[in-house]
Amino acid sequence: MRMVFRIEVSCGIGGDGGATLLGNAQPGSKPDQAYNREIAKTIKNRVKVPVFVVGGIIDPATMVDIIQRGDADYVSLCRSLISDPEFPRKIQEGGNKPARCIQCNLCLGYIVTEPLRCYHGKTLKDKEPLLKDILVLE
């Protein structure tokens, strides 16, 4: 009897709490897009169940490339959906613009005290109190 029906490759934030959030929330830092792609590809080559990949995937062209190259069977979205809940619909309708997510992680870091939302467009001065609150979470 099969016990695993699919695998989603993600870095997550559970194990190290705020440290993961803070790593990407530093002013001026920007993680690579699709940073879990290579490990997803490695896993996909070793299992017989569908593999999903998530992590910094904001560009529709990258999504298509991941699937076409067989690096994963599916692409999952998180922050790109938070920044634009209509993003999947726009892609289905032929849109090819990346999500507006800047991967600052404030959407996830501030969720403890605020509703989940995107902070894109806030100035660095606006974000400073949020970053201090994230430091307290650690």
C-alpha atoms as a PDB file:
ATOM      1  CA  MET A   1       0.000   0.000   0.000  1.00  0.00           C
ATOM      2  CA  ARG A   2       1.380   3.404  -1.001  1.00  0.00           C
ATOM      3  CA  MET A   3       1.752   5.789   1.926  1.00  0.00           C
ATOM      4  CA  VAL A   4       3.202   8.818   0.127  1.00  0.00           C
ATOM      5  CA  PHE A   5       1.131  10.327  -2.668  1.00  0.00           C
ATOM      6  CA  ARG A   6       3.184  13.444  -3.404  1.00  0.00           C
ATOM      7  CA  ILE A   7       6.183  15.363  -2.114  1.00  0.00           C
ATOM      8  CA  GLU A   8       6.484  19.140  -1.841  1.00  0.00           C
ATOM      9  CA  VAL A   9      10.025  20.475  -1.687  1.00  0.00           C
ATOM     10  CA  SER A  10      10.177  23.559   0.521  1.00  0.00           C
ATOM     11  CA  CYS A  11      12.622  25.191   2.923  1.00  0.00           C
ATOM     12  CA  GLY A  12       9.840  26.065   5.327  1.00  0.00           C
ATOM     13  CA  ILE A  13      10.198  28.243   8.404  1.00  0.00           C
ATOM     14  CA  GLY A  14       9.308  25.832  11.191  1.00  0.00           C
ATOM     15  CA  GLY A  15      12.684  24.506  12.288  1.00  0.00           C
ATOM     16  CA  ASP A  16      14.556  27.754  12.744  1.00  0.00           C
ATOM     17  CA  GLY A  17      11.632  30.115  13.207  1.00  0.00           C
ATOM     18  CA  GLY A  18      12.487  33.734  12.585  1.00  0.00           C
ATOM     19  CA  ALA A  19      16.028  33.013  11.395  1.00  0.00           C
ATOM     20  CA  THR A  20      14.784  31.932   7.964  1.00  0.00           C
ATOM     21  CA  LEU A  21      12.606  35.011   7.751  1.00  0.00           C
ATOM     22  CA  LEU A  22      15.389  37.326   8.788  1.00  0.00           C
ATOM     23  CA  GLY A  23      17.832  35.838   6.309  1.00  0.00           C
ATOM     24  CA  ASN A  24      15.833  37.197   3.394  1.00  0.00           C
ATOM     25  CA  ALA A  25      14.449  40.286   5.088  1.00  0.00           C
ATOM     26  CA  GLN A  26      17.736  42.169   5.188  1.00  0.00           C
ATOM     27  CA  PRO A  27      17.639  45.392   3.171  1.00  0.00           C
ATOM     28  CA  GLY A  28      19.040  44.868  -0.303  1.00  0.00           C
ATOM     29  CA  SER A  29      19.204  41.070  -0.127  1.00  0.00           C
ATOM     30  CA  LYS A  30      17.320  39.018  -2.680  1.00  0.00           C
ATOM     31  CA  PRO A  31      17.381  35.212  -2.785  1.00  0.00           C
ATOM     32  CA  ASP A  32      17.714  33.328  -6.023  1.00  0.00           C
ATOM     33  CA  GLN A  33      14.480  32.519  -7.798  1.00  0.00           C
ATOM     34  CA  ALA A  34      13.376  28.881  -7.566  1.00  0.00           C
ATOM     35  CA  TYR A  35      15.987  28.145  -4.909  1.00  0.00           C
ATOM     36  CA  ASN A  36      14.566  24.645  -4.238  1.00  0.00           C
ATOM     37  CA  ARG A  37      14.643  23.622  -7.891  1.00  0.00           C
ATOM     38  CA  GLU A  38      17.819  21.524  -7.838  1.00  0.00           C
ATOM     39  CA  ILE A  39      16.855  19.506  -4.777  1.00  0.00           C
ATOM     40  CA  ALA A  40      13.377  18.961  -6.263  1.00  0.00           C
ATOM     41  CA  LYS A  41      15.013  17.634  -9.432  1.00  0.00           C
ATOM     42  CA  THR A  42      17.201  15.272  -7.400  1.00  0.00           C
ATOM     43  CA  ILE A  43      14.201  13.980  -5.459  1.00  0.00           C
ATOM     44  CA  LYS A  44      12.069  13.627  -8.601  1.00  0.00           C
ATOM     45  CA  ASN A  45      14.737  11.430 -10.182  1.00  0.00           C
ATOM     46  CA  ARG A  46      14.544   9.053  -7.205  1.00  0.00           C
ATOM     47  CA  VAL A  47      10.815   8.720  -6.474  1.00  0.00           C
ATOM     48  CA  LYS A  48       7.718   7.526  -8.289  1.00  0.00           C
ATOM     49  CA  VAL A  49       5.255  10.055  -6.891  1.00  0.00           C
ATOM     50  CA  PRO A  50       4.586  13.596  -8.130  1.00  0.00           C
ATOM     51  CA  VAL A  51       7.025  16.231  -6.872  1.00  0.00           C
ATOM     52  CA  PHE A  52       5.956  19.811  -6.175  1.00  0.00           C
ATOM     53  CA  VAL A  53       8.459  22.645  -5.758  1.00  0.00           C
ATOM     54  CA  VAL A  54       7.973  25.979  -4.005  1.00  0.00           C
ATOM     55  CA  GLY A  55      10.367  28.763  -3.067  1.00  0.00           C
ATOM     56  CA  GLY A  56      10.960  32.125  -4.670  1.00  0.00           C
ATOM     57  CA  ILE A  57       9.182  31.185  -7.893  1.00  0.00           C
ATOM     58  CA  ILE A  58       7.658  34.412  -9.184  1.00  0.00           C
ATOM     59  CA  ASP A  59       8.247  34.302 -12.955  1.00  0.00           C
ATOM     60  CA  PRO A  60       5.844  32.358 -15.215  1.00  0.00           C
ATOM     61  CA  ALA A  61       8.713  31.560 -17.607  1.00  0.00           C
ATOM     62  CA  THR A  62      10.600  29.877 -14.768  1.00  0.00           C
ATOM     63  CA  MET A  63       7.483  27.893 -13.851  1.00  0.00           C
ATOM     64  CA  VAL A  64       7.146  26.604 -17.402  1.00  0.00           C
ATOM     65  CA  ASP A  65      10.858  25.812 -17.580  1.00  0.00           C
ATOM     66  CA  ILE A  66      10.727  23.779 -14.349  1.00  0.00           C
ATOM     67  CA  ILE A  67       7.892  21.639 -15.705  1.00  0.00           C
ATOM     68  CA  GLN A  68       9.246  21.319 -19.259  1.00  0.00           C
ATOM     69  CA  ARG A  69      12.701  20.251 -18.068  1.00  0.00           C
ATOM     70  CA  GLY A  70      11.156  17.723 -15.697  1.00  0.00           C
ATOM     71  CA  ASP A  71      12.696  19.272 -12.582  1.00  0.00           C
ATOM     72  CA  ALA A  72       9.314  18.944 -10.816  1.00  0.00           C
ATOM     73  CA  ASP A  73       5.814  17.847 -11.755  1.00  0.00           C
ATOM     74  CA  TYR A  74       4.099  20.882 -10.242  1.00  0.00           C
ATOM     75  CA  VAL A  75       4.997  24.379  -9.055  1.00  0.00           C
ATOM     76  CA  SER A  76       3.481  25.564  -5.771  1.00  0.00           C
ATOM     77  CA  LEU A  77       3.103  29.240  -4.947  1.00  0.00           C
ATOM     78  CA  CYS A  78       3.181  31.075  -1.639  1.00  0.00           C
ATOM     79  CA  ARG A  79       4.532  34.628  -1.525  1.00  0.00           C
ATOM     80  CA  SER A  80       3.615  35.306  -5.153  1.00  0.00           C
ATOM     81  CA  LEU A  81      -0.001  34.523  -4.187  1.00  0.00           C
ATOM     82  CA  ILE A  82       0.229  36.754  -1.148  1.00  0.00           C
ATOM     83  CA  SER A  83       1.514  39.625  -3.293  1.00  0.00           C
ATOM     84  CA  ASP A  84      -1.111  39.023  -5.997  1.00  0.00           C
ATOM     85  CA  PRO A  85      -3.979  36.575  -5.352  1.00  0.00           C
ATOM     86  CA  GLU A  86      -4.942  36.883  -9.041  1.00  0.00           C
ATOM     87  CA  PHE A  87      -1.488  35.772 -10.229  1.00  0.00           C
ATOM     88  CA  PRO A  88      -2.493  32.219 -11.329  1.00  0.00           C
ATOM     89  CA  ARG A  89      -5.507  33.559 -13.228  1.00  0.00           C
ATOM     90  CA  LYS A  90      -3.328  36.119 -14.998  1.00  0.00           C
ATOM     91  CA  ILE A  91      -0.958  33.339 -16.087  1.00  0.00           C
ATOM     92  CA  GLN A  92      -3.859  31.187 -17.320  1.00  0.00           C
ATOM     93  CA  GLU A  93      -5.063  34.139 -19.374  1.00  0.00           C
ATOM     94  CA  GLY A  94      -1.670  34.461 -21.063  1.00  0.00           C
ATOM     95  CA  GLY A  95       0.072  36.889 -18.737  1.00  0.00           C
ATOM     96  CA  ASN A  96       3.825  36.529 -18.540  1.00  0.00           C
ATOM     97  CA  LYS A  97       4.808  39.200 -16.012  1.00  0.00           C
ATOM     98  CA  PRO A  98       6.468  38.042 -12.785  1.00  0.00           C
ATOM     99  CA  ALA A  99       4.586  38.423  -9.517  1.00  0.00           C
ATOM    100  CA  ARG A 100       5.339  41.690  -7.770  1.00  0.00           C
ATOM    101  CA  CYS A 101       6.803  39.888  -4.744  1.00  0.00           C
ATOM    102  CA  ILE A 102      10.202  41.269  -3.731  1.00  0.00           C
ATOM    103  CA  GLN A 103      10.852  38.342  -1.350  1.00  0.00           C
ATOM    104  CA  CYS A 104      11.325  40.528   1.716  1.00  0.00           C
ATOM    105  CA  ASN A 105       9.433  37.935   3.827  1.00  0.00           C
ATOM    106  CA  LEU A 106       7.613  40.576   5.842  1.00  0.00           C
ATOM    107  CA  CYS A 107       4.326  38.956   4.815  1.00  0.00           C
ATOM    108  CA  LEU A 108       5.329  35.801   6.683  1.00  0.00           C
ATOM    109  CA  GLY A 109       7.370  37.403   9.439  1.00  0.00           C
ATOM    110  CA  TYR A 110       4.687  39.780  10.614  1.00  0.00           C
ATOM    111  CA  ILE A 111       1.814  37.269  10.466  1.00  0.00           C
ATOM    112  CA  VAL A 112       2.061  36.623  14.210  1.00  0.00           C
ATOM    113  CA  THR A 113       0.610  40.043  14.990  1.00  0.00           C
ATOM    114  CA  GLU A 114      -1.008  41.172  11.734  1.00  0.00           C
ATOM    115  CA  PRO A 115      -3.256  39.659   9.042  1.00  0.00           C
ATOM    116  CA  LEU A 116      -1.421  38.006   6.168  1.00  0.00           C
ATOM    117  CA  ARG A 117      -0.734  40.588   3.455  1.00  0.00           C
ATOM    118  CA  CYS A 118       1.953  41.908   1.140  1.00  0.00           C
ATOM    119  CA  TYR A 119       4.161  44.775   2.271  1.00  0.00           C
ATOM    120  CA  HIS A 120       5.403  45.576  -1.246  1.00  0.00           C
ATOM    121  CA  GLY A 121       5.611  49.312  -1.798  1.00  0.00           C
ATOM    122  CA  LYS A 122       6.415  50.136   1.813  1.00  0.00           C
ATOM    123  CA  THR A 123       9.512  52.258   2.173  1.00  0.00           C
ATOM    124  CA  LEU A 124      12.456  50.930   4.164  1.00  0.00           C
ATOM    125  CA  LYS A 125      11.567  53.404   6.910  1.00  0.00           C
ATOM    126  CA  ASP A 126       8.065  51.874   7.030  1.00  0.00           C
ATOM    127  CA  LYS A 127       9.579  48.379   7.255  1.00  0.00           C
ATOM    128  CA  GLU A 128      12.061  49.100  10.073  1.00  0.00           C
ATOM    129  CA  PRO A 129       9.506  48.632  12.892  1.00  0.00           C
ATOM    130  CA  LEU A 130       8.390  45.394  11.249  1.00  0.00           C
ATOM    131  CA  LEU A 131      11.947  44.077  11.103  1.00  0.00           C
ATOM    132  CA  LYS A 132      12.389  44.911  14.804  1.00  0.00           C
ATOM    133  CA  ASP A 133       9.220  42.949  15.604  1.00  0.00           C
ATOM    134  CA  ILE A 134      10.557  39.964  13.669  1.00  0.00           C
ATOM    135  CA  LEU A 135      13.754  40.107  15.720  1.00  0.00           C
ATOM    136  CA  VAL A 136      11.628  39.834  18.870  1.00  0.00           C
ATOM    137  CA  LEU A 137       9.979  36.673  17.482  1.00  0.00           C
ATOM    138  CA  GLU A 138      13.310  34.886  17.324  1.00  0.00           C
END
